[in-house]
Protein backbone atom coordinates (compact mmCIF):
# COMPACT_ATOMS: atom_id res chain seq x y z
CA MET A 1 13.56 -24.63 23.03
CA ARG A 2 14.65 -27.39 25.51
CA LYS A 3 17.35 -26.43 28.00
CA PRO A 4 20.52 -28.47 27.64
CA GLY A 5 20.74 -31.22 30.29
CA PRO A 6 23.70 -31.59 32.77
CA LYS A 7 26.96 -32.70 31.16
CA PRO A 8 27.73 -36.43 31.57
CA VAL A 9 30.47 -37.27 33.91
CA ASP A 10 33.92 -37.86 32.40
CA MET A 11 34.48 -41.38 33.80
CA ARG A 12 37.97 -41.61 32.65
CA LEU A 13 38.96 -38.36 34.43
CA LEU A 14 36.91 -39.26 37.48
CA ASP A 15 38.77 -42.68 37.60
CA LEU A 16 42.12 -40.83 37.29
CA TRP A 17 41.43 -38.46 40.17
CA ASP A 18 40.14 -41.38 42.34
CA CYS A 19 43.52 -43.18 41.61
CA GLU A 20 45.56 -40.08 42.53
CA PHE A 21 43.67 -39.24 45.69
CA HIS A 22 43.67 -42.85 46.75
CA LYS A 23 47.57 -42.81 46.47
CA ALA A 24 47.81 -39.48 48.21
CA PHE A 25 45.65 -40.54 51.21
CA ARG A 26 47.42 -43.92 51.61
CA SER A 27 50.75 -42.29 51.28
CA LEU A 28 49.70 -39.83 54.02
CA ARG A 29 48.62 -42.69 56.41
CA ASP A 30 51.21 -45.34 55.52
CA GLY A 31 54.15 -43.44 53.82
CA ILE A 32 53.55 -45.33 50.67
CA GLY A 33 50.99 -44.95 47.97
CA THR A 34 49.94 -48.66 47.72
CA LYS A 35 49.78 -51.63 49.94
CA PRO A 36 53.36 -52.51 51.09
CA LEU A 37 55.01 -55.54 49.80
CA PRO A 38 55.93 -58.30 52.24
CA PRO A 39 59.39 -58.21 53.86
CA SER A 40 61.96 -59.83 51.70
CA GLY A 41 64.63 -60.73 54.06
CA PHE A 42 67.37 -59.80 51.56
CA ALA A 43 70.95 -58.85 52.77
CA LYS A 44 71.63 -55.11 52.56
CA GLN A 45 74.00 -55.59 49.57
CA GLU A 46 71.29 -57.45 47.57
CA LEU A 47 68.81 -54.81 48.33
CA ARG A 48 71.08 -52.05 47.06
CA SER A 49 71.76 -54.11 43.92
CA PHE A 50 68.11 -54.71 43.20
CA ILE A 51 67.11 -51.12 43.83
CA ALA A 52 69.71 -49.91 41.43
CA GLN A 53 68.66 -52.26 38.68
CA LEU A 54 64.99 -51.35 39.19
CA LYS A 55 65.81 -47.61 38.94
CA ARG A 56 67.47 -48.25 35.53
CA MET A 57 64.35 -49.93 34.06
CA THR A 58 62.02 -47.96 31.81
CA PRO A 59 58.25 -48.61 32.28
CA GLU A 60 58.39 -50.57 28.93
CA HIS A 61 61.25 -52.79 30.25
CA TYR A 62 59.39 -53.47 33.59
CA TRP A 63 56.19 -54.19 31.89
CA LEU A 64 57.83 -56.66 29.32
CA THR A 65 59.64 -58.32 32.16
CA SER A 66 56.40 -58.74 34.12
CA ARG A 67 54.96 -60.41 31.06
CA HIS A 68 57.80 -62.78 30.86
CA LEU A 69 57.42 -63.67 34.53
CA SER A 70 53.70 -64.34 33.93
CA ALA A 71 54.59 -66.53 31.09
CA GLU A 72 57.14 -68.42 33.46
CA MET A 73 54.15 -69.03 35.83
CA GLY A 74 52.38 -70.74 33.08
CA ASN A 75 50.02 -68.12 31.75
CA ALA A 76 49.34 -67.64 28.04
CA VAL A 77 50.87 -64.28 27.25
CA ASN A 78 51.36 -62.50 23.93
CA LEU A 79 54.99 -61.15 24.45
CA ALA A 80 54.91 -59.35 21.11
CA ARG A 81 51.96 -57.08 22.02
CA PRO A 82 53.20 -53.56 22.67
CA PRO A 83 52.07 -51.96 26.00
CA LEU A 84 49.05 -49.73 26.09
CA GLU A 85 49.28 -46.32 27.94
CA VAL A 86 47.54 -47.88 30.91
CA ASP A 87 50.13 -50.82 30.75
CA ARG A 88 52.99 -48.17 31.06
CA TRP A 89 51.24 -46.40 33.83
CA TRP A 90 50.91 -49.51 35.73
CA ALA A 91 54.42 -50.52 35.20
CA GLU A 92 55.75 -47.17 36.26
CA GLN A 93 53.49 -47.19 39.44
CA GLU A 94 54.58 -50.78 40.16
CA ARG A 95 58.33 -50.18 39.63
CA ASP A 96 58.30 -47.01 41.89
CA ASN A 97 56.34 -48.75 44.61
CA GLU A 98 58.71 -51.72 44.55
CA ILE A 99 61.74 -49.34 44.85
CA ARG A 100 60.15 -47.42 47.72
CA CYS A 101 59.32 -50.71 49.58
CA LEU A 102 62.84 -52.06 49.14
CA GLU A 103 64.33 -48.67 50.17
CA ARG A 104 62.06 -48.67 53.27
CA GLU A 105 63.33 -52.12 54.06
CA SER A 106 66.94 -51.01 53.54
CA HIS A 107 66.44 -47.86 55.56
CA PRO A 108 63.41 -48.44 57.75
CA PRO A 109 61.61 -45.14 58.69
CA GLU A 110 61.91 -44.09 62.29
CA THR A 111 58.96 -45.14 64.45
CA LYS A 112 58.57 -41.45 65.51
CA ALA A 113 58.17 -40.31 61.95
CA GLN A 114 55.49 -43.02 61.15
CA VAL A 115 53.63 -42.10 64.29
CA SER A 116 53.72 -38.47 63.42
CA ARG A 117 52.20 -38.99 59.85
CA ARG A 118 49.65 -41.42 61.14
CA LYS A 119 48.58 -38.54 63.65
CA VAL A 120 48.16 -36.17 60.62
CA TRP A 121 45.88 -38.77 58.98
CA ASP A 122 43.88 -39.24 62.17
CA ASP A 123 43.57 -35.50 62.66
CA LEU A 124 42.41 -35.18 59.00
CA ILE A 125 39.55 -37.65 59.84
CA LYS A 126 38.61 -35.97 62.91
CA ALA A 127 38.70 -32.33 61.69
CA ASP A 128 35.21 -30.95 61.64
CA THR A 129 35.77 -27.24 61.10
CA TYR A 130 37.42 -25.22 58.33
CA ALA A 131 40.15 -24.02 60.76
CA ALA A 132 41.00 -27.56 61.96
CA LEU A 133 41.04 -28.88 58.39
CA ARG A 134 43.34 -26.01 57.23
CA ARG A 135 45.76 -26.66 60.05
CA VAL A 136 45.96 -30.37 59.44
CA CYS A 137 46.41 -29.96 55.59
CA GLY A 138 49.24 -27.53 56.42
CA ARG A 139 50.95 -30.24 58.54
CA TRP A 140 50.21 -32.70 55.60
CA ALA A 141 51.88 -30.48 52.99
CA GLN A 142 54.91 -30.11 55.27
CA LEU A 143 55.83 -33.78 55.42
CA PRO A 144 59.18 -34.14 53.80
CA ASP A 145 58.20 -36.85 51.24
CA VAL A 146 55.01 -34.94 50.25
CA TRP A 147 56.82 -31.76 49.09
CA ARG A 148 59.82 -33.65 47.76
CA ARG A 149 57.51 -35.79 45.49
CA GLY A 150 55.44 -32.73 44.52
CA MET A 151 52.24 -33.97 46.20
CA THR A 152 51.34 -30.68 48.07
CA ALA A 153 48.56 -30.14 45.48
CA PHE A 154 46.45 -32.75 47.37
CA PRO A 155 46.24 -31.02 50.69
CA ASP A 156 45.73 -27.79 48.71
CA HIS A 157 42.75 -29.38 46.87
CA VAL A 158 41.15 -30.41 50.26
CA VAL A 159 41.50 -27.06 51.65
CA GLN A 160 40.08 -25.31 48.53
CA ASN A 161 37.16 -27.71 48.67
CA ALA A 162 36.88 -27.69 52.55
CA ALA A 163 33.03 -27.35 52.53
CA GLN A 164 32.56 -30.48 50.36
CA PHE A 165 35.16 -32.37 52.09
CA LEU A 166 33.55 -31.70 55.58
CA SER A 167 30.22 -32.55 54.08
CA MET A 168 31.43 -35.94 53.01
CA LYS A 169 32.48 -36.79 56.58
CA ARG A 170 29.18 -35.66 58.05
CA ASN A 171 27.22 -37.86 55.66
CA LYS A 172 25.68 -40.98 57.19
CA ARG A 173 27.52 -43.18 54.72
CA PHE A 174 30.98 -42.11 55.89
CA PRO A 175 32.79 -45.23 57.37
CA ARG A 176 33.08 -44.58 61.01
CA SER A 177 34.25 -47.99 62.46
CA THR A 178 37.61 -48.40 63.90
CA TYR A 179 38.34 -51.03 61.50
CA SER A 180 37.28 -49.05 58.46
CA ASP A 181 40.30 -47.00 57.56
CA ASP A 182 40.71 -48.47 54.15
CA ALA A 183 37.04 -47.85 53.45
CA ARG A 184 37.53 -44.24 54.53
CA ILE A 185 40.42 -43.81 52.00
CA ASP A 186 38.20 -45.17 49.28
CA TYR A 187 35.28 -43.03 50.28
CA LEU A 188 37.22 -39.77 50.48
CA ALA A 189 39.32 -40.59 47.32
CA ARG A 190 36.01 -41.15 45.25
CA GLY A 191 34.43 -38.08 46.67
CA MET A 192 37.30 -35.75 46.03
CA ALA A 193 37.47 -37.22 42.50
CA GLY A 194 33.89 -36.08 42.16
CA VAL A 195 34.74 -32.57 43.20
CA LEU A 196 37.74 -32.27 40.80
CA VAL A 197 35.55 -33.21 37.76
CA GLY A 198 33.12 -30.55 38.75
CA LYS A 199 30.48 -32.78 40.36
CA SER A 200 29.34 -33.38 43.91
CA PRO A 201 31.37 -35.70 46.25
CA LEU A 202 28.39 -38.06 46.46
CA THR A 203 28.13 -38.20 42.58
CA GLY A 204 31.74 -39.25 42.37
CA ILE A 205 31.27 -41.85 45.14
CA GLU A 206 28.14 -43.36 43.62
CA ARG A 207 29.39 -43.33 39.99
CA LEU A 208 32.68 -45.07 40.92
CA ARG A 209 31.02 -47.50 43.33
CA ASN A 210 28.36 -48.60 40.77
CA MET A 211 30.48 -48.42 37.77
CA LYS A 212 30.32 -51.51 35.54
CA HIS A 213 33.54 -53.40 34.94
CA ALA A 214 32.11 -55.49 32.10
CA PRO A 215 31.84 -55.13 28.33
CA ARG A 216 29.15 -52.45 28.66
CA GLY A 217 31.19 -50.50 31.12
CA PRO A 218 32.41 -46.90 30.30
CA LEU A 219 36.16 -47.89 30.57
CA TRP A 220 35.97 -51.32 28.72
CA VAL A 221 39.05 -51.48 26.42
CA ARG A 222 38.22 -53.09 23.09
CA ARG A 223 41.00 -51.53 20.97
CA GLN A 224 44.65 -50.79 21.10
CA GLY A 225 45.08 -47.82 18.82
CA ASP A 226 43.95 -49.13 15.47
CA TYR A 227 44.16 -52.73 16.42
CA GLY A 228 41.02 -54.46 17.73
CA LEU A 229 41.84 -56.57 20.78
CA PRO A 230 40.52 -60.25 20.85
CA GLU A 231 37.87 -60.96 23.41
CA SER A 232 40.28 -62.75 25.64
CA GLU A 233 42.52 -59.50 25.92
CA GLN A 234 39.62 -57.15 26.29
CA HIS A 235 39.41 -55.70 29.96
CA CYS A 236 38.17 -52.83 32.07
CA GLY A 237 40.57 -49.96 31.92
CA CYS A 238 39.85 -48.47 35.42
CA TRP A 239 42.91 -48.30 37.83
CA ARG A 240 41.40 -50.74 40.27
CA CYS A 241 40.83 -53.49 37.57
CA THR A 242 44.24 -52.89 36.21
CA ALA A 243 45.90 -53.40 39.60
CA LYS A 244 43.62 -56.47 40.16
CA ASN A 245 44.37 -57.97 36.73
CA TRP A 246 48.08 -58.12 37.62
CA ASN A 247 47.48 -60.32 40.78
CA ASN A 248 48.80 -63.28 38.83
CA VAL A 249 52.24 -61.50 38.80
CA THR A 250 52.07 -59.95 42.28
CA GLN A 251 51.01 -63.25 43.81
CA VAL A 252 54.64 -64.13 43.58
CA SER A 253 55.30 -61.29 46.10
CA GLN A 254 52.84 -62.88 48.52
CA THR A 255 54.13 -66.46 48.43
CA GLY A 256 57.88 -66.21 47.84
CA TYR A 257 58.96 -62.61 47.25
CA GLU A 258 62.63 -63.39 47.44
CA ALA A 259 62.51 -66.08 44.70
CA GLY A 260 60.12 -63.90 42.74
CA LEU A 261 62.22 -60.83 42.62
CA ARG A 262 65.43 -62.78 41.89
CA CYS A 263 63.49 -64.41 39.01
CA PHE A 264 62.25 -60.96 37.93
CA ILE A 265 65.80 -59.55 37.82
CA GLU A 266 67.18 -62.50 36.02
CA LEU A 267 64.43 -62.17 33.38
CA ALA A 268 64.95 -58.50 33.15
CA ALA A 269 68.49 -59.00 31.90
CA LYS A 270 67.19 -61.16 29.02
CA ALA A 271 64.08 -59.20 28.09
CA LYS A 272 64.90 -56.80 25.23
CA VAL A 273 62.44 -53.93 24.65
CA PRO A 274 61.71 -53.43 20.91
CA LYS A 275 63.07 -50.01 19.80
CA GLN A 276 59.69 -49.07 18.38
CA TRP A 277 58.10 -49.34 21.85
CA ASN A 278 60.20 -46.54 23.27
CA GLY A 279 58.63 -43.09 23.15
CA THR A 280 55.48 -44.59 21.53
CA ARG A 281 52.26 -43.60 23.59
CA LYS A 282 49.28 -45.40 22.29
CA ARG A 283 46.18 -44.64 24.25
CA ILE A 284 43.21 -47.01 24.99
């Protein structure tokens, strides 16, 4: 009787942990889980108004408004299509990130606090023993925004898997250049994702690095519930592609954020979310 082979890697779960650790490491380094938006130059009163309106928006409302904005930019968009679970996830992440960016602009963090958290990140990269890693993760967990947002599980995961975390950094593939900080975040996030799905860090790194983002890829989305998507709307459902696919919307942020956000808020006032979308969670 043949022995059963190793269980296949759950790519969806691996992708999820990659996303969560990427946000955790970037948040540790920069104070925000994604790349910050460019400064807007809004007056304080405008900032407060926009923040308040964004906080009232549900993920469904934010997503629909983003679709309207994409249509305003000349893209062909099916505004009647209800959001997928991944769309809701994207909308919630983008809305929360935008709120945090505007709040940081309204109340810039003290330079001392930014230097302090950057020191924690640098020490995490330098730590080469269990004792040093445990100490720096303790400092990470004590950062006010980390425990306030319930993210202390991430330094805990690193300490609980210290041997594998340290082995990743000793590996010859670990990015060591002074200019490779973003690459270090990618490398460590993928490696920790591998650990959290019960595989080795290098398995996580290699599977995610080599994953196909085309129709034969493991996370390719062909259906929305019982509805088969037309080829033009099929896409890779990994978190990196989801973020990349929304560049047509976020380009507004890079080329004219003030006009873009004002347009977004105006469209939000007109966008009416169908009642059947609320509370409906269709998975891909």
